[in-house]
Protein backbone atom coordinates (compact mmCIF):
# COMPACT_ATOMS: atom_id res chain seq x y z
CA UNK A 1 161.03 -44.41 310.34
CA UNK A 2 160.74 -41.89 307.76
CA UNK A 3 157.85 -41.26 305.77
CA UNK A 4 154.16 -41.33 306.74
CA UNK A 5 151.95 -44.41 306.66
CA UNK A 6 147.69 -43.78 305.80
CA UNK A 7 145.43 -46.32 306.14
CA UNK A 8 142.84 -45.53 303.41
CA UNK A 9 139.26 -45.36 304.03
CA UNK A 10 139.00 -45.85 300.83
CA UNK A 11 139.11 -48.90 299.58
CA UNK A 12 140.13 -50.04 295.07
CA UNK A 13 136.54 -52.12 294.49
CA UNK A 14 139.06 -55.54 293.11
CA UNK A 15 136.54 -55.61 289.88
CA UNK A 16 137.76 -52.20 289.47
CA UNK A 17 141.81 -52.89 290.03
CA UNK A 18 143.56 -50.71 287.29
CA UNK A 19 145.80 -53.39 286.73
CA UNK A 20 143.27 -55.54 285.93
CA UNK A 21 143.55 -53.41 282.69
CA UNK A 22 146.79 -54.90 281.57
CA UNK A 23 147.09 -57.02 279.12
CA UNK A 24 150.54 -59.11 280.15
CA UNK A 25 147.82 -59.97 282.99
CA UNK A 26 146.44 -62.43 283.42
CA UNK A 27 142.76 -62.87 283.80
CA UNK A 28 140.74 -63.78 288.02
CA UNK A 29 138.14 -66.77 287.13
CA UNK A 30 134.96 -65.45 288.76
CA UNK A 31 135.78 -67.31 292.48
CA UNK A 32 140.23 -66.36 292.62
CA UNK A 33 138.13 -62.84 292.25
CA UNK A 34 135.36 -63.30 294.84
CA UNK A 35 138.87 -64.87 297.08
CA UNK A 36 140.61 -61.98 296.35
CA UNK A 37 138.41 -59.31 297.32
CA UNK A 38 137.30 -61.40 300.32
CA UNK A 39 141.28 -61.71 301.77
CA UNK A 40 142.05 -57.79 300.67
CA UNK A 41 141.40 -56.15 304.18
CA UNK A 42 142.58 -52.47 303.18
CA UNK A 43 145.06 -50.16 301.25
CA UNK A 44 147.88 -48.45 302.82
CA UNK A 45 149.04 -45.16 301.09
CA UNK A 46 152.45 -44.43 302.23
CA UNK A 47 154.92 -41.54 301.17
CA UNK A 48 158.21 -41.82 299.29
CA UNK A 49 160.96 -42.60 301.79
CA UNK A 50 159.17 -44.53 303.96
CA UNK A 51 159.61 -48.01 305.29
CA UNK A 52 157.30 -50.74 304.29
CA UNK A 53 159.14 -53.58 306.28
CA UNK A 54 162.28 -54.50 307.84
CA UNK A 55 165.02 -56.93 307.49
CA UNK A 56 164.02 -58.95 311.10
CA UNK A 57 160.56 -57.92 311.68
CA UNK A 58 157.67 -60.23 311.84
CA UNK A 59 154.43 -58.51 309.52
CA UNK A 60 150.72 -59.62 310.13
CA UNK A 61 150.28 -58.54 306.56
CA UNK A 62 151.22 -59.07 302.78
CA UNK A 63 150.97 -56.22 300.06
CA UNK A 64 150.00 -55.84 296.42
CA UNK A 65 151.64 -52.76 295.15
CA UNK A 66 148.71 -50.66 293.47
CA UNK A 67 150.54 -47.58 292.49
CA UNK A 68 154.53 -46.22 293.31
CA UNK A 69 157.53 -47.84 293.02
CA UNK A 70 160.08 -48.86 296.28
CA UNK A 71 162.46 -51.02 296.54
CA UNK A 72 164.07 -54.19 298.54
CA UNK A 73 167.43 -53.84 300.26
CA UNK A 74 169.98 -55.15 302.21
CA UNK A 75 171.66 -53.36 304.79
CA UNK A 76 175.50 -54.43 307.00
CA UNK A 77 176.32 -53.45 310.19
CA UNK A 78 178.39 -50.52 309.31
CA UNK A 79 175.77 -48.59 307.35
CA UNK A 80 176.68 -49.83 303.40
CA UNK A 81 173.06 -50.76 301.72
CA UNK A 82 172.43 -52.97 298.60
CA UNK A 83 169.32 -52.55 296.63
CA UNK A 84 168.09 -56.25 295.40
CA UNK A 85 165.26 -54.97 293.22
CA UNK A 86 163.18 -52.60 292.67
CA UNK A 87 158.95 -52.96 292.54
CA UNK A 88 156.27 -51.89 290.79
CA UNK A 89 153.21 -51.95 290.53
CA UNK A 90 151.70 -55.89 290.54
CA UNK A 91 154.28 -56.97 292.36
CA UNK A 92 154.24 -58.99 295.53
CA UNK A 93 155.62 -57.16 298.47
CA UNK A 94 156.26 -59.57 301.89
CA UNK A 95 155.75 -62.96 300.37
CA UNK A 96 159.07 -64.06 302.51
CA UNK A 97 158.20 -62.89 306.16
CA UNK A 98 154.86 -64.76 305.57
CA UNK A 99 156.58 -67.76 304.50
CA UNK A 100 159.23 -67.79 306.74
CA UNK A 101 158.21 -66.40 309.74
CA UNK A 102 160.04 -62.78 309.48
CA UNK A 103 161.78 -60.14 306.19
CA UNK A 104 165.27 -61.12 305.27
CA UNK A 105 165.56 -57.83 303.82
CA UNK A 106 164.09 -54.13 303.90
CA UNK A 107 161.86 -52.60 301.38
CA UNK A 108 161.20 -48.41 300.99
CA UNK A 109 158.95 -46.15 299.49
CA UNK A 110 160.84 -44.61 295.96
CA UNK A 111 157.85 -42.80 295.06
CA UNK A 112 154.31 -42.33 297.13
CA UNK A 113 153.35 -45.96 297.26
CA UNK A 114 149.33 -47.54 297.83
CA UNK A 115 149.72 -50.90 298.56
CA UNK A 116 146.43 -53.98 298.67
CA UNK A 117 146.44 -55.14 301.94
CA UNK A 118 146.14 -59.22 302.90
CA UNK A 119 146.02 -61.14 306.65
CA UNK A 120 149.27 -63.12 306.24
CA UNK A 121 147.38 -65.77 308.47
CA UNK A 122 145.20 -66.62 305.29
CA UNK A 123 147.70 -67.29 302.94
CA UNK A 124 147.45 -70.97 303.28
CA UNK A 125 144.20 -70.60 302.70
CA UNK A 126 144.80 -69.47 298.80
CA UNK A 127 147.08 -73.61 298.98
CA UNK A 128 143.86 -74.99 300.62
CA UNK A 129 141.11 -73.78 298.18
CA UNK A 130 142.98 -71.92 295.06
CA UNK A 131 145.84 -74.35 293.30
CA UNK A 132 145.49 -71.88 290.27
CA UNK A 133 146.34 -69.02 292.70
CA UNK A 134 149.21 -71.04 294.47
CA UNK A 135 150.23 -71.72 291.43
CA UNK A 136 150.48 -67.65 291.22
CA UNK A 137 152.11 -66.92 294.19
CA UNK A 138 154.61 -69.56 293.18
CA UNK A 139 154.99 -68.18 289.64
CA UNK A 140 155.54 -64.53 291.62
CA UNK A 141 158.14 -66.40 293.71
CA UNK A 142 160.09 -68.26 290.99
CA UNK A 143 160.24 -64.25 288.66
CA UNK A 144 161.45 -62.83 291.54
CA UNK A 145 164.47 -65.57 291.63
CA UNK A 146 164.95 -65.07 287.96
CA UNK A 147 165.17 -60.85 288.24
CA UNK A 148 167.40 -61.65 291.20
CA UNK A 149 169.92 -63.98 288.65
CA UNK A 150 170.12 -61.56 286.60
CA UNK A 151 170.98 -59.13 288.82
CA UNK A 152 173.66 -61.00 290.31
CA UNK A 153 175.24 -61.65 286.58
CA UNK A 154 175.01 -57.72 286.24
CA UNK A 155 177.19 -57.44 289.34
CA UNK A 156 180.07 -60.17 289.05
CA UNK A 157 180.33 -60.01 285.03
CA UNK A 158 179.03 -57.55 283.29
CA UNK A 159 181.17 -53.95 283.14
CA UNK A 160 180.15 -51.02 284.95
CA UNK A 161 178.82 -49.78 281.91
CA UNK A 162 176.61 -52.62 281.53
CA UNK A 163 175.27 -52.44 284.40
CA UNK A 164 174.23 -49.96 284.43
CA UNK A 165 172.50 -49.87 281.14
CA UNK A 166 170.74 -53.28 282.06
CA UNK A 167 169.65 -51.78 285.07
CA UNK A 168 168.03 -48.35 283.47
CA UNK A 169 166.89 -50.16 280.40
CA UNK A 170 164.98 -52.67 282.44
CA UNK A 171 163.64 -50.29 284.84
CA UNK A 172 162.60 -47.92 282.09
CA UNK A 173 160.92 -50.82 279.77
CA UNK A 174 158.91 -52.60 283.21
CA UNK A 175 157.80 -48.52 283.89
CA UNK A 176 157.00 -48.85 280.04
CA UNK A 177 154.85 -51.85 280.06
CA UNK A 178 152.67 -50.77 282.52
CA UNK A 179 151.73 -47.20 281.78
CA UNK A 180 153.63 -45.21 284.38
CA UNK A 181 155.05 -42.90 282.21
CA UNK A 182 153.04 -40.57 280.54
CA UNK A 183 153.39 -36.80 278.55
CA UNK A 184 153.96 -35.00 281.65
CA UNK A 185 155.92 -37.72 283.84
CA UNK A 186 158.94 -39.43 281.62
CA UNK A 187 161.30 -39.23 285.04
CA UNK A 188 162.37 -42.40 286.94
CA UNK A 189 162.66 -41.56 291.23
CA UNK A 190 165.87 -42.78 291.34
CA UNK A 191 169.35 -41.04 292.50
CA UNK A 192 172.80 -42.04 291.63
CA UNK A 193 173.07 -43.57 294.83
CA UNK A 194 170.38 -45.53 294.44
CA UNK A 195 172.03 -47.36 291.34
CA UNK A 196 175.31 -46.65 293.12
CA UNK A 197 173.81 -49.56 295.85
CA UNK A 198 172.42 -51.69 293.52
CA UNK A 199 175.38 -52.25 290.85
CA UNK A 200 177.98 -52.07 293.99
CA UNK A 201 179.70 -49.51 292.93
CA UNK A 202 181.19 -46.35 295.02
CA UNK A 203 179.11 -43.33 293.94
CA UNK A 204 182.10 -41.14 292.47
CA UNK A 205 182.15 -44.74 289.93
CA UNK A 206 178.63 -44.60 289.19
CA UNK A 207 178.60 -40.99 288.51
CA UNK A 208 181.18 -41.62 285.48
CA UNK A 209 179.45 -44.55 284.59
CA UNK A 210 176.57 -42.49 283.79
CA UNK A 211 178.10 -39.42 282.48
CA UNK A 212 179.15 -41.66 279.66
CA UNK A 213 175.45 -42.98 279.29
CA UNK A 214 174.69 -39.33 278.93
CA UNK A 215 177.75 -38.50 276.57
CA UNK A 216 175.99 -41.16 274.15
CA UNK A 217 173.04 -39.45 273.97
CA UNK A 218 170.93 -42.88 276.01
CA UNK A 219 170.12 -41.40 278.95
CA UNK A 220 169.47 -37.69 280.66
CA UNK A 221 170.18 -37.42 283.94
CA UNK A 222 167.91 -35.19 286.53
CA UNK A 223 169.09 -33.92 290.19
CA UNK A 224 165.98 -36.85 291.54
CA UNK A 225 165.43 -39.25 288.54
CA UNK A 226 166.66 -40.33 284.63
CA UNK A 227 164.85 -40.13 281.92
CA UNK A 228 165.63 -43.14 279.02
CA UNK A 229 166.09 -41.92 275.88
CA UNK A 230 167.42 -44.97 274.22
CA UNK A 231 166.59 -47.98 275.90
CA UNK A 232 167.28 -50.24 273.00
CA UNK A 233 170.84 -48.74 272.96
CA UNK A 234 170.79 -49.16 276.68
CA UNK A 235 169.85 -53.50 275.67
CA UNK A 236 172.99 -53.06 273.23
CA UNK A 237 175.67 -51.96 275.27
CA UNK A 238 173.78 -54.79 278.43
CA UNK A 239 173.96 -57.20 275.56
CA UNK A 240 170.41 -57.89 277.43
CA UNK A 241 167.26 -59.30 274.53
CA UNK A 242 165.26 -57.20 276.55
CA UNK A 243 161.91 -57.12 278.85
CA UNK A 244 159.29 -59.86 277.98
CA UNK A 245 156.71 -60.83 279.89
CA UNK A 246 153.20 -62.72 279.25
CA UNK A 247 150.20 -63.69 280.50
CA UNK A 248 151.85 -63.11 284.47
CA UNK A 249 149.53 -63.24 287.20
CA UNK A 250 149.23 -61.05 290.25
CA UNK A 251 146.87 -61.32 294.13
């Protein structure tokens, strides 16, 4: 397995979780916060490139991303990869394996990632004891489906230029909403191969497509990342209204 996994001795108290300060995350009730604090068993830190979960594996845990970037993907027998979605802070990882017995996709870290760790065996206690949290878990799964719907629309009906514009605008706007950029850090940690594997394009076609966006001064591409210069321009090319999320739950 690529990358390093470290079980952190330090555990961020749920009461001091940095995600609670974002306005689009809903606030927990006191009894819910107490339950989540008890539900959480620790934190896991992994390097960029580390495999978090493997397709077909049975995991005893599920996770919430506390910091960093990652992606979900499936592989064909000949090594071709399809990236399904990207994960950022607040996203729940491993729910599919918890409910279906084994993972149907793999998960890899794009950057150093810190995860809150939860015991899978205690998941059903959410449904028994905390119906609002159970609804939140269902909402998170439905949101993932909505994102996958948009990705499928891109692959099936958008042109290569429109696909790339949508993907980069979506990732950029999500990252902005989570304050993942600052004056020193404005680059999304994705390569052209990641983009190609997301859009279902060859690396040559992807390179030509990204060059067109760069020539229009919409993006700046670097060796291992991309900076978006004009996300509204990308949205116009993609025919996408932009990222809107209010009062979103997380665990």
